[in-house]
């Protein structure tokens, strides 16, 4: 299953039914999800909290080679866009973070159903 973002309503549309997954705690190992394959749902948003007080947390959407979004030490990043893949890559020594995914049914996200 794939999607074309031009056929979807805005990810910030509150009328699209969605739910938050239980927050997932990460340490020094990367966490990667493909929401379509794993859950049969599309990512509508995410909240990533970098609990590492020394090093950045790298986040990539859409594929593992995408442009890095940097979450500075002791801060958070809130994403409000459609995605199927999310990659959180912490520091290999001091990494500590939390990832909460907001997911939706792709059929509900489409502009024309």
PDB file of N, CA and C in Angstrom:
ATOM      1  N   UNK A   1       0.849  -1.173   0.000  1.00  0.00           N
ATOM      2  CA  UNK A   1       0.000   0.000   0.000  1.00  0.00           C
ATOM      3  C   UNK A   1       0.894   1.235   0.000  1.00  0.00           C
ATOM      4  N   UNK A   2       0.591   2.208  -0.855  1.00  0.00           N
ATOM      5  CA  UNK A   2       1.341   3.450  -0.887  1.00  0.00           C
ATOM      6  C   UNK A   2       0.361   4.610  -0.996  1.00  0.00           C
ATOM      7  N   UNK A   3       0.918   5.811  -0.992  1.00  0.00           N
ATOM      8  CA  UNK A   3       0.044   6.971  -1.057  1.00  0.00           C
ATOM      9  C   UNK A   3       0.724   8.100  -1.801  1.00  0.00           C
ATOM     10  N   UNK A   4      -0.087   8.970  -2.359  1.00  0.00           N
ATOM     11  CA  UNK A   4       0.374  10.183  -3.015  1.00  0.00           C
ATOM     12  C   UNK A   4      -0.135  11.330  -2.158  1.00  0.00           C
ATOM     13  N   UNK A   5       0.773  12.096  -1.582  1.00  0.00           N
ATOM     14  CA  UNK A   5       0.383  13.140  -0.631  1.00  0.00           C
ATOM     15  C   UNK A   5      -0.593  14.152  -1.250  1.00  0.00           C
ATOM     16  N   UNK A   6      -0.573  14.321  -2.563  1.00  0.00           N
ATOM     17  CA  UNK A   6      -1.481  15.270  -3.208  1.00  0.00           C
ATOM     18  C   UNK A   6      -2.932  14.800  -3.179  1.00  0.00           C
ATOM     19  N   UNK A   7      -3.146  13.515  -2.917  1.00  0.00           N
ATOM     20  CA  UNK A   7      -4.513  12.996  -2.856  1.00  0.00           C
ATOM     21  C   UNK A   7      -5.055  12.987  -1.419  1.00  0.00           C
ATOM     22  N   UNK A   8      -4.263  13.495  -0.476  1.00  0.00           N
ATOM     23  CA  UNK A   8      -4.660  13.456   0.929  1.00  0.00           C
ATOM     24  C   UNK A   8      -5.054  14.824   1.451  1.00  0.00           C
ATOM     25  N   UNK A   9      -5.954  14.815   2.399  1.00  0.00           N
ATOM     26  CA  UNK A   9      -6.302  16.044   3.107  1.00  0.00           C
ATOM     27  C   UNK A   9      -5.113  16.461   3.971  1.00  0.00           C
ATOM     28  N   UNK A  10      -5.161  17.611   4.553  1.00  0.00           N
ATOM     29  CA  UNK A  10      -4.071  18.096   5.394  1.00  0.00           C
ATOM     30  C   UNK A  10      -3.900  17.207   6.624  1.00  0.00           C
ATOM     31  N   UNK A  11      -2.665  16.911   6.986  1.00  0.00           N
ATOM     32  CA  UNK A  11      -2.397  16.095   8.179  1.00  0.00           C
ATOM     33  C   UNK A  11      -2.829  16.812   9.459  1.00  0.00           C
ATOM     34  N   UNK A  12      -2.963  18.120   9.400  1.00  0.00           N
ATOM     35  CA  UNK A  12      -3.399  18.867  10.585  1.00  0.00           C
ATOM     36  C   UNK A  12      -4.923  18.961  10.697  1.00  0.00           C
ATOM     37  N   UNK A  13      -5.642  18.328   9.770  1.00  0.00           N
ATOM     38  CA  UNK A  13      -7.110  18.326   9.793  1.00  0.00           C
ATOM     39  C   UNK A  13      -7.603  17.487  10.977  1.00  0.00           C
ATOM     40  N   UNK A  14      -8.215  18.144  11.951  1.00  0.00           N
ATOM     41  CA  UNK A  14      -8.698  17.464  13.153  1.00  0.00           C
ATOM     42  C   UNK A  14      -9.921  16.592  12.894  1.00  0.00           C
ATOM     43  N   UNK A  15     -10.538  16.712  11.722  1.00  0.00           N
ATOM     44  CA  UNK A  15     -11.712  15.903  11.416  1.00  0.00           C
ATOM     45  C   UNK A  15     -11.351  14.507  10.922  1.00  0.00           C
ATOM     46  N   UNK A  16     -10.066  14.275  10.661  1.00  0.00           N
ATOM     47  CA  UNK A  16      -9.619  12.941  10.251  1.00  0.00           C
ATOM     48  C   UNK A  16      -9.430  12.109  11.514  1.00  0.00           C
ATOM     49  N   UNK A  17     -10.166  11.009  11.653  1.00  0.00           N
ATOM     50  CA  UNK A  17     -10.023  10.175  12.849  1.00  0.00           C
ATOM     51  C   UNK A  17      -8.598   9.621  12.946  1.00  0.00           C
ATOM     52  N   UNK A  18      -8.021   9.739  14.130  1.00  0.00           N
ATOM     53  CA  UNK A  18      -6.673   9.223  14.344  1.00  0.00           C
ATOM     54  C   UNK A  18      -6.540   8.812  15.803  1.00  0.00           C
ATOM     55  N   UNK A  19      -5.452   8.146  16.109  1.00  0.00           N
ATOM     56  CA  UNK A  19      -5.198   7.782  17.498  1.00  0.00           C
ATOM     57  C   UNK A  19      -3.705   7.798  17.760  1.00  0.00           C
ATOM     58  N   UNK A  20      -3.356   7.953  19.024  1.00  0.00           N
ATOM     59  CA  UNK A  20      -1.962   7.945  19.440  1.00  0.00           C
ATOM     60  C   UNK A  20      -1.586   6.554  19.917  1.00  0.00           C
ATOM     61  N   UNK A  21      -0.462   6.057  19.436  1.00  0.00           N
ATOM     62  CA  UNK A  21       0.069   4.797  19.960  1.00  0.00           C
ATOM     63  C   UNK A  21       0.725   5.063  21.313  1.00  0.00           C
ATOM     64  N   UNK A  22       0.841   4.044  22.112  1.00  0.00           N
ATOM     65  CA  UNK A  22       1.521   4.164  23.395  1.00  0.00           C
ATOM     66  C   UNK A  22       2.940   4.667  23.143  1.00  0.00           C
ATOM     67  N   UNK A  23       3.400   5.653  23.913  1.00  0.00           N
ATOM     68  CA  UNK A  23       4.762   6.157  23.719  1.00  0.00           C
ATOM     69  C   UNK A  23       5.791   5.026  23.808  1.00  0.00           C
ATOM     70  N   UNK A  24       6.767   5.096  22.941  1.00  0.00           N
ATOM     71  CA  UNK A  24       7.817   4.083  22.851  1.00  0.00           C
ATOM     72  C   UNK A  24       9.129   4.719  23.299  1.00  0.00           C
ATOM     73  N   UNK A  25       9.761   4.128  24.291  1.00  0.00           N
ATOM     74  CA  UNK A  25      11.019   4.654  24.808  1.00  0.00           C
ATOM     75  C   UNK A  25      12.192   4.018  24.096  1.00  0.00           C
ATOM     76  N   UNK A  26      13.145   4.855  23.690  1.00  0.00           N
ATOM     77  CA  UNK A  26      14.329   4.375  23.012  1.00  0.00           C
ATOM     78  C   UNK A  26      15.575   4.755  23.788  1.00  0.00           C
ATOM     79  N   UNK A  27      16.628   4.008  23.548  1.00  0.00           N
ATOM     80  CA  UNK A  27      17.906   4.323  24.185  1.00  0.00           C
ATOM     81  C   UNK A  27      18.948   4.566  23.099  1.00  0.00           C
ATOM     82  N   UNK A  28      19.979   3.770  23.062  1.00  0.00           N
ATOM     83  CA  UNK A  28      21.073   4.012  22.122  1.00  0.00           C
ATOM     84  C   UNK A  28      20.900   3.311  20.774  1.00  0.00           C
ATOM     85  N   UNK A  29      19.815   2.590  20.599  1.00  0.00           N
ATOM     86  CA  UNK A  29      19.554   1.880  19.345  1.00  0.00           C
ATOM     87  C   UNK A  29      18.461   2.613  18.561  1.00  0.00           C
ATOM     88  N   UNK A  30      18.628   2.700  17.272  1.00  0.00           N
ATOM     89  CA  UNK A  30      17.650   3.387  16.424  1.00  0.00           C
ATOM     90  C   UNK A  30      16.306   2.664  16.458  1.00  0.00           C
ATOM     91  N   UNK A  31      15.249   3.445  16.339  1.00  0.00           N
ATOM     92  CA  UNK A  31      13.901   2.903  16.185  1.00  0.00           C
ATOM     93  C   UNK A  31      13.416   3.329  14.811  1.00  0.00           C
ATOM     94  N   UNK A  32      12.956   2.345  14.041  1.00  0.00           N
ATOM     95  CA  UNK A  32      12.468   2.605  12.692  1.00  0.00           C
ATOM     96  C   UNK A  32      11.115   1.939  12.528  1.00  0.00           C
ATOM     97  N   UNK A  33      10.173   2.664  11.939  1.00  0.00           N
ATOM     98  CA  UNK A  33       8.853   2.101  11.685  1.00  0.00           C
ATOM     99  C   UNK A  33       8.429   2.398  10.262  1.00  0.00           C
ATOM    100  N   UNK A  34       7.779   1.433   9.641  1.00  0.00           N
ATOM    101  CA  UNK A  34       7.038   1.648   8.414  1.00  0.00           C
ATOM    102  C   UNK A  34       5.587   1.429   8.818  1.00  0.00           C
ATOM    103  N   UNK A  35       4.858   2.507   9.004  1.00  0.00           N
ATOM    104  CA  UNK A  35       3.516   2.429   9.586  1.00  0.00           C
ATOM    105  C   UNK A  35       2.535   1.658   8.714  1.00  0.00           C
ATOM    106  N   UNK A  36       2.704   1.727   7.401  1.00  0.00           N
ATOM    107  CA  UNK A  36       1.785   1.020   6.513  1.00  0.00           C
ATOM    108  C   UNK A  36       1.978  -0.484   6.630  1.00  0.00           C
ATOM    109  N   UNK A  37       3.227  -0.924   6.617  1.00  0.00           N
ATOM    110  CA  UNK A  37       3.498  -2.364   6.712  1.00  0.00           C
ATOM    111  C   UNK A  37       3.242  -2.905   8.111  1.00  0.00           C
ATOM    112  N   UNK A  38       3.647  -2.154   9.133  1.00  0.00           N
ATOM    113  CA  UNK A  38       3.522  -2.650  10.500  1.00  0.00           C
ATOM    114  C   UNK A  38       2.103  -2.596  11.047  1.00  0.00           C
ATOM    115  N   UNK A  39       1.410  -1.489  10.784  1.00  0.00           N
ATOM    116  CA  UNK A  39       0.111  -1.271  11.406  1.00  0.00           C
ATOM    117  C   UNK A  39      -1.046  -1.187  10.414  1.00  0.00           C
ATOM    118  N   UNK A  40      -0.736  -1.105   9.106  1.00  0.00           N
ATOM    119  CA  UNK A  40      -1.773  -0.932   8.103  1.00  0.00           C
ATOM    120  C   UNK A  40      -2.385   0.459   8.150  1.00  0.00           C
ATOM    121  N   UNK A  41      -1.647   1.420   8.705  1.00  0.00           N
ATOM    122  CA  UNK A  41      -2.123   2.796   8.884  1.00  0.00           C
ATOM    123  C   UNK A  41      -1.049   3.768   8.408  1.00  0.00           C
ATOM    124  N   UNK A  42      -1.458   5.002   8.155  1.00  0.00           N
ATOM    125  CA  UNK A  42      -0.511   6.029   7.727  1.00  0.00           C
ATOM    126  C   UNK A  42      -0.179   6.918   8.925  1.00  0.00           C
ATOM    127  N   UNK A  43       1.075   7.354   8.985  1.00  0.00           N
ATOM    128  CA  UNK A  43       1.476   8.284  10.036  1.00  0.00           C
ATOM    129  C   UNK A  43       0.902   9.660   9.760  1.00  0.00           C
ATOM    130  N   UNK A  44       0.231  10.221  10.741  1.00  0.00           N
ATOM    131  CA  UNK A  44      -0.383  11.553  10.622  1.00  0.00           C
ATOM    132  C   UNK A  44       0.462  12.594  11.341  1.00  0.00           C
ATOM    133  N   UNK A  45       1.237  12.134  12.298  1.00  0.00           N
ATOM    134  CA  UNK A  45       2.075  13.027  13.076  1.00  0.00           C
ATOM    135  C   UNK A  45       2.897  12.224  14.071  1.00  0.00           C
ATOM    136  N   UNK A  46       3.801  12.914  14.725  1.00  0.00           N
ATOM    137  CA  UNK A  46       4.643  12.267  15.729  1.00  0.00           C
ATOM    138  C   UNK A  46       5.149  13.309  16.712  1.00  0.00           C
ATOM    139  N   UNK A  47       5.417  12.843  17.907  1.00  0.00           N
ATOM    140  CA  UNK A  47       6.071  13.670  18.924  1.00  0.00           C
ATOM    141  C   UNK A  47       7.318  12.910  19.354  1.00  0.00           C
ATOM    142  N   UNK A  48       8.462  13.549  19.182  1.00  0.00           N
ATOM    143  CA  UNK A  48       9.730  12.923  19.519  1.00  0.00           C
ATOM    144  C   UNK A  48      10.397  13.783  20.584  1.00  0.00           C
ATOM    145  N   UNK A  49      10.663  13.194  21.735  1.00  0.00           N
ATOM    146  CA  UNK A  49      11.309  13.895  22.836  1.00  0.00           C
ATOM    147  C   UNK A  49      12.724  13.355  22.986  1.00  0.00           C
ATOM    148  N   UNK A  50      13.703  14.232  22.880  1.00  0.00           N
ATOM    149  CA  UNK A  50      15.091  13.846  23.071  1.00  0.00           C
ATOM    150  C   UNK A  50      15.443  14.042  24.548  1.00  0.00           C
ATOM    151  N   UNK A  51      15.521  12.943  25.284  1.00  0.00           N
ATOM    152  CA  UNK A  51      15.857  12.997  26.710  1.00  0.00           C
ATOM    153  C   UNK A  51      17.363  12.955  26.958  1.00  0.00           C
ATOM    154  N   UNK A  52      18.141  12.896  25.894  1.00  0.00           N
ATOM    155  CA  UNK A  52      19.597  12.912  25.999  1.00  0.00           C
ATOM    156  C   UNK A  52      20.019  14.360  26.273  1.00  0.00           C
ATOM    157  N   UNK A  53      20.727  14.586  27.357  1.00  0.00           N
ATOM    158  CA  UNK A  53      21.110  15.959  27.709  1.00  0.00           C
ATOM    159  C   UNK A  53      22.423  16.387  27.052  1.00  0.00           C
ATOM    160  N   UNK A  54      23.050  15.490  26.289  1.00  0.00           N
ATOM    161  CA  UNK A  54      24.346  15.814  25.688  1.00  0.00           C
ATOM    162  C   UNK A  54      24.353  15.862  24.165  1.00  0.00           C
ATOM    163  N   UNK A  55      23.570  14.994  23.523  1.00  0.00           N
ATOM    164  CA  UNK A  55      23.680  14.841  22.073  1.00  0.00           C
ATOM    165  C   UNK A  55      22.351  14.974  21.346  1.00  0.00           C
ATOM    166  N   UNK A  56      22.453  15.330  20.059  1.00  0.00           N
ATOM    167  CA  UNK A  56      21.277  15.449  19.194  1.00  0.00           C
ATOM    168  C   UNK A  56      20.672  14.082  18.903  1.00  0.00           C
ATOM    169  N   UNK A  57      19.410  14.112  18.544  1.00  0.00           N
ATOM    170  CA  UNK A  57      18.698  12.944  18.031  1.00  0.00           C
ATOM    171  C   UNK A  57      18.360  13.255  16.579  1.00  0.00           C
ATOM    172  N   UNK A  58      18.684  12.356  15.679  1.00  0.00           N
ATOM    173  CA  UNK A  58      18.383  12.549  14.255  1.00  0.00           C
ATOM    174  C   UNK A  58      17.081  11.842  13.910  1.00  0.00           C
ATOM    175  N   UNK A  59      16.206  12.548  13.200  1.00  0.00           N
ATOM    176  CA  UNK A  59      14.926  11.987  12.780  1.00  0.00           C
ATOM    177  C   UNK A  59      14.808  12.173  11.269  1.00  0.00           C
ATOM    178  N   UNK A  60      14.360  11.116  10.597  1.00  0.00           N
ATOM    179  CA  UNK A  60      14.136  11.171   9.153  1.00  0.00           C
ATOM    180  C   UNK A  60      12.740  10.633   8.869  1.00  0.00           C
ATOM    181  N   UNK A  61      12.037  11.293   7.963  1.00  0.00           N
ATOM    182  CA  UNK A  61      10.732  10.823   7.510  1.00  0.00           C
ATOM    183  C   UNK A  61      10.855  10.345   6.074  1.00  0.00           C
ATOM    184  N   UNK A  62      10.008   9.402   5.716  1.00  0.00           N
ATOM    185  CA  UNK A  62       9.822   8.928   4.341  1.00  0.00           C
ATOM    186  C   UNK A  62      10.833   7.893   3.869  1.00  0.00           C
ATOM    187  N   UNK A  63      12.108   8.017   4.224  1.00  0.00           N
ATOM    188  CA  UNK A  63      13.085   6.977   3.893  1.00  0.00           C
ATOM    189  C   UNK A  63      14.358   7.200   4.700  1.00  0.00           C
ATOM    190  N   UNK A  64      15.182   6.171   4.829  1.00  0.00           N
ATOM    191  CA  UNK A  64      16.367   6.285   5.680  1.00  0.00           C
ATOM    192  C   UNK A  64      17.428   7.248   5.164  1.00  0.00           C
ATOM    193  N   UNK A  65      17.296   7.720   3.923  1.00  0.00           N
ATOM    194  CA  UNK A  65      18.263   8.664   3.362  1.00  0.00           C
ATOM    195  C   UNK A  65      17.703  10.077   3.239  1.00  0.00           C
ATOM    196  N   UNK A  66      16.542  10.314   3.824  1.00  0.00           N
ATOM    197  CA  UNK A  66      15.907  11.634   3.748  1.00  0.00           C
ATOM    198  C   UNK A  66      16.721  12.666   4.539  1.00  0.00           C
ATOM    199  N   UNK A  67      16.403  13.914   4.333  1.00  0.00           N
ATOM    200  CA  UNK A  67      17.051  14.994   5.072  1.00  0.00           C
ATOM    201  C   UNK A  67      16.816  14.818   6.567  1.00  0.00           C
ATOM    202  N   UNK A  68      17.857  15.013   7.342  1.00  0.00           N
ATOM    203  CA  UNK A  68      17.782  14.840   8.798  1.00  0.00           C
ATOM    204  C   UNK A  68      17.093  16.042   9.438  1.00  0.00           C
ATOM    205  N   UNK A  69      16.169  15.751  10.335  1.00  0.00           N
ATOM    206  CA  UNK A  69      15.615  16.764  11.231  1.00  0.00           C
ATOM    207  C   UNK A  69      16.319  16.537  12.572  1.00  0.00           C
ATOM    208  N   UNK A  70      16.963  17.549  13.069  1.00  0.00           N
ATOM    209  CA  UNK A  70      17.741  17.412  14.300  1.00  0.00           C
ATOM    210  C   UNK A  70      16.900  17.846  15.493  1.00  0.00           C
ATOM    211  N   UNK A  71      16.866  16.986  16.514  1.00  0.00           N
ATOM    212  CA  UNK A  71      16.214  17.310  17.774  1.00  0.00           C
ATOM    213  C   UNK A  71      17.349  17.556  18.767  1.00  0.00           C
ATOM    214  N   UNK A  72      17.569  18.814  19.162  1.00  0.00           N
ATOM    215  CA  UNK A  72      18.672  19.129  20.069  1.00  0.00           C
ATOM    216  C   UNK A  72      18.510  18.446  21.435  1.00  0.00           C
ATOM    217  N   UNK A  73      19.587  18.386  22.212  1.00  0.00           N
ATOM    218  CA  UNK A  73      19.512  17.771  23.538  1.00  0.00           C
ATOM    219  C   UNK A  73      18.395  18.384  24.390  1.00  0.00           C
ATOM    220  N   UNK A  74      17.723  17.540  25.136  1.00  0.00           N
ATOM    221  CA  UNK A  74      16.675  17.954  26.084  1.00  0.00           C
ATOM    222  C   UNK A  74      15.600  18.820  25.439  1.00  0.00           C
ATOM    223  N   UNK A  75      15.154  18.438  24.249  1.00  0.00           N
ATOM    224  CA  UNK A  75      14.086  19.176  23.576  1.00  0.00           C
ATOM    225  C   UNK A  75      13.179  18.188  22.853  1.00  0.00           C
ATOM    226  N   UNK A  76      12.207  18.719  22.128  1.00  0.00           N
ATOM    227  CA  UNK A  76      11.281  17.845  21.420  1.00  0.00           C
ATOM    228  C   UNK A  76      10.971  18.387  20.039  1.00  0.00           C
ATOM    229  N   UNK A  77      10.479  17.502  19.203  1.00  0.00           N
ATOM    230  CA  UNK A  77      10.056  17.829  17.849  1.00  0.00           C
ATOM    231  C   UNK A  77       8.648  17.290  17.666  1.00  0.00           C
ATOM    232  N   UNK A  78       7.750  18.132  17.178  1.00  0.00           N
ATOM    233  CA  UNK A  78       6.397  17.698  16.857  1.00  0.00           C
ATOM    234  C   UNK A  78       6.252  17.770  15.337  1.00  0.00           C
ATOM    235  N   UNK A  79       5.885  16.649  14.757  1.00  0.00           N
ATOM    236  CA  UNK A  79       5.718  16.537  13.311  1.00  0.00           C
ATOM    237  C   UNK A  79       4.233  16.457  13.014  1.00  0.00           C
ATOM    238  N   UNK A  80       3.784  17.256  12.050  1.00  0.00           N
ATOM    239  CA  UNK A  80       2.392  17.203  11.624  1.00  0.00           C
ATOM    240  C   UNK A  80       2.376  17.115  10.102  1.00  0.00           C
ATOM    241  N   UNK A  81       2.674  15.921   9.607  1.00  0.00           N
ATOM    242  CA  UNK A  81       2.628  15.663   8.163  1.00  0.00           C
ATOM    243  C   UNK A  81       2.459  14.171   7.951  1.00  0.00           C
ATOM    244  N   UNK A  82       2.012  13.815   6.758  1.00  0.00           N
ATOM    245  CA  UNK A  82       1.806  12.408   6.422  1.00  0.00           C
ATOM    246  C   UNK A  82       3.141  11.728   6.199  1.00  0.00           C
ATOM    247  N   UNK A  83       3.275  10.511   6.687  1.00  0.00           N
ATOM    248  CA  UNK A  83       4.474   9.727   6.439  1.00  0.00           C
ATOM    249  C   UNK A  83       4.159   8.245   6.578  1.00  0.00           C
ATOM    250  N   UNK A  84       4.947   7.431   5.904  1.00  0.00           N
ATOM    251  CA  UNK A  84       4.838   5.988   6.062  1.00  0.00           C
ATOM    252  C   UNK A  84       6.044   5.453   6.824  1.00  0.00           C
ATOM    253  N   UNK A  85       7.165   6.170   6.721  1.00  0.00           N
ATOM    254  CA  UNK A  85       8.379   5.730   7.413  1.00  0.00           C
ATOM    255  C   UNK A  85       8.879   6.818   8.343  1.00  0.00           C
ATOM    256  N   UNK A  86       9.356   6.387   9.515  1.00  0.00           N
ATOM    257  CA  UNK A  86      10.010   7.292  10.456  1.00  0.00           C
ATOM    258  C   UNK A  86      11.212   6.558  11.027  1.00  0.00           C
ATOM    259  N   UNK A  87      12.325   7.283  11.102  1.00  0.00           N
ATOM    260  CA  UNK A  87      13.581   6.728  11.588  1.00  0.00           C
ATOM    261  C   UNK A  87      14.114   7.668  12.668  1.00  0.00           C
ATOM    262  N   UNK A  88      14.293   7.171  13.874  1.00  0.00           N
ATOM    263  CA  UNK A  88      14.858   7.941  14.981  1.00  0.00           C
ATOM    264  C   UNK A  88      16.216   7.340  15.305  1.00  0.00           C
ATOM    265  N   UNK A  89      17.255   8.144  15.152  1.00  0.00           N
ATOM    266  CA  UNK A  89      18.619   7.662  15.308  1.00  0.00           C
ATOM    267  C   UNK A  89      19.312   8.435  16.427  1.00  0.00           C
ATOM    268  N   UNK A  90      19.420   7.827  17.614  1.00  0.00           N
ATOM    269  CA  UNK A  90      20.025   8.495  18.763  1.00  0.00           C
ATOM    270  C   UNK A  90      21.554   8.376  18.758  1.00  0.00           C
ATOM    271  N   UNK A  91      22.182   9.055  19.682  1.00  0.00           N
ATOM    272  CA  UNK A  91      23.607   8.878  19.899  1.00  0.00           C
ATOM    273  C   UNK A  91      23.837   7.462  20.418  1.00  0.00           C
ATOM    274  N   UNK A  92      24.869   6.790  19.941  1.00  0.00           N
ATOM    275  CA  UNK A  92      25.120   5.402  20.299  1.00  0.00           C
ATOM    276  C   UNK A  92      25.615   5.180  21.713  1.00  0.00           C
ATOM    277  N   UNK A  93      25.939   6.260  22.423  1.00  0.00           N
ATOM    278  CA  UNK A  93      26.456   6.120  23.787  1.00  0.00           C
ATOM    279  C   UNK A  93      25.505   6.667  24.831  1.00  0.00           C
ATOM    280  N   UNK A  94      24.933   7.831  24.568  1.00  0.00           N
ATOM    281  CA  UNK A  94      24.111   8.500  25.590  1.00  0.00           C
ATOM    282  C   UNK A  94      22.637   8.598  25.223  1.00  0.00           C
ATOM    283  N   UNK A  95      22.253   8.052  24.092  1.00  0.00           N
ATOM    284  CA  UNK A  95      20.897   8.215  23.573  1.00  0.00           C
ATOM    285  C   UNK A  95      19.791   7.823  24.541  1.00  0.00           C
ATOM    286  N   UNK A  96      18.769   8.658  24.586  1.00  0.00           N
ATOM    287  CA  UNK A  96      17.556   8.407  25.367  1.00  0.00           C
ATOM    288  C   UNK A  96      16.462   9.282  24.758  1.00  0.00           C
ATOM    289  N   UNK A  97      15.362   8.649  24.328  1.00  0.00           N
ATOM    290  CA  UNK A  97      14.302   9.426  23.688  1.00  0.00           C
ATOM    291  C   UNK A  97      12.974   8.714  23.815  1.00  0.00           C
ATOM    292  N   UNK A  98      11.910   9.441  23.444  1.00  0.00           N
ATOM    293  CA  UNK A  98      10.567   8.868  23.452  1.00  0.00           C
ATOM    294  C   UNK A  98       9.879   9.250  22.142  1.00  0.00           C
ATOM    295  N   UNK A  99       9.204   8.275  21.542  1.00  0.00           N
ATOM    296  CA  UNK A  99       8.504   8.472  20.272  1.00  0.00           C
ATOM    297  C   UNK A  99       7.038   8.124  20.456  1.00  0.00           C
ATOM    298  N   UNK A 100       6.166   9.052  20.095  1.00  0.00           N
ATOM    299  CA  UNK A 100       4.731   8.807  20.106  1.00  0.00           C
ATOM    300  C   UNK A 100       4.214   9.050  18.686  1.00  0.00           C
ATOM    301  N   UNK A 101       3.588   8.045  18.107  1.00  0.00           N
ATOM    302  CA  UNK A 101       3.056   8.147  16.756  1.00  0.00           C
ATOM    303  C   UNK A 101       1.561   8.428  16.775  1.00  0.00           C
ATOM    304  N   UNK A 102       1.116   9.294  15.877  1.00  0.00           N
ATOM    305  CA  UNK A 102      -0.308   9.500  15.624  1.00  0.00           C
ATOM    306  C   UNK A 102      -0.595   8.849  14.280  1.00  0.00           C
ATOM    307  N   UNK A 103      -1.545   7.923  14.265  1.00  0.00           N
ATOM    308  CA  UNK A 103      -1.825   7.139  13.069  1.00  0.00           C
ATOM    309  C   UNK A 103      -3.273   7.317  12.623  1.00  0.00           C
ATOM    310  N   UNK A 104      -3.495   7.134  11.327  1.00  0.00           N
ATOM    311  CA  UNK A 104      -4.840   7.245  10.759  1.00  0.00           C
ATOM    312  C   UNK A 104      -5.013   6.219   9.649  1.00  0.00           C
ATOM    313  N   UNK A 105      -6.260   5.943   9.344  1.00  0.00           N
ATOM    314  CA  UNK A 105      -6.589   5.048   8.231  1.00  0.00           C
ATOM    315  C   UNK A 105      -6.408   5.840   6.937  1.00  0.00           C
ATOM    316  N   UNK A 106      -5.689   5.280   6.001  1.00  0.00           N
ATOM    317  CA  UNK A 106      -5.416   5.968   4.738  1.00  0.00           C
ATOM    318  C   UNK A 106      -6.700   6.336   4.004  1.00  0.00           C
ATOM    319  N   UNK A 107      -7.731   5.487   4.097  1.00  0.00           N
ATOM    320  CA  UNK A 107      -9.009   5.789   3.425  1.00  0.00           C
ATOM    321  C   UNK A 107      -9.643   7.055   4.006  1.00  0.00           C
ATOM    322  N   UNK A 108      -9.493   7.272   5.310  1.00  0.00           N
ATOM    323  CA  UNK A 108     -10.063   8.461   5.941  1.00  0.00           C
ATOM    324  C   UNK A 108      -9.296   9.724   5.560  1.00  0.00           C
ATOM    325  N   UNK A 109      -8.028   9.568   5.230  1.00  0.00           N
ATOM    326  CA  UNK A 109      -7.156  10.713   4.911  1.00  0.00           C
ATOM    327  C   UNK A 109      -7.347  11.212   3.483  1.00  0.00           C
ATOM    328  N   UNK A 110      -7.879  10.389   2.615  1.00  0.00           N
ATOM    329  CA  UNK A 110      -8.004  10.773   1.206  1.00  0.00           C
ATOM    330  C   UNK A 110      -8.986  11.918   1.024  1.00  0.00           C
ATOM    331  N   UNK A 111      -8.712  12.793   0.058  1.00  0.00           N
ATOM    332  CA  UNK A 111      -9.566  13.927  -0.247  1.00  0.00           C
ATOM    333  C   UNK A 111     -10.917  13.478  -0.770  1.00  0.00           C
ATOM    334  N   UNK A 112     -10.901  12.487  -1.626  1.00  0.00           N
ATOM    335  CA  UNK A 112     -12.128  12.004  -2.251  1.00  0.00           C
ATOM    336  C   UNK A 112     -12.298  10.530  -1.927  1.00  0.00           C
ATOM    337  N   UNK A 113     -13.341  10.209  -1.194  1.00  0.00           N
ATOM    338  CA  UNK A 113     -13.570   8.811  -0.799  1.00  0.00           C
ATOM    339  C   UNK A 113     -14.737   8.262  -1.550  1.00  0.00           C
TER     340      UNK A 113
END
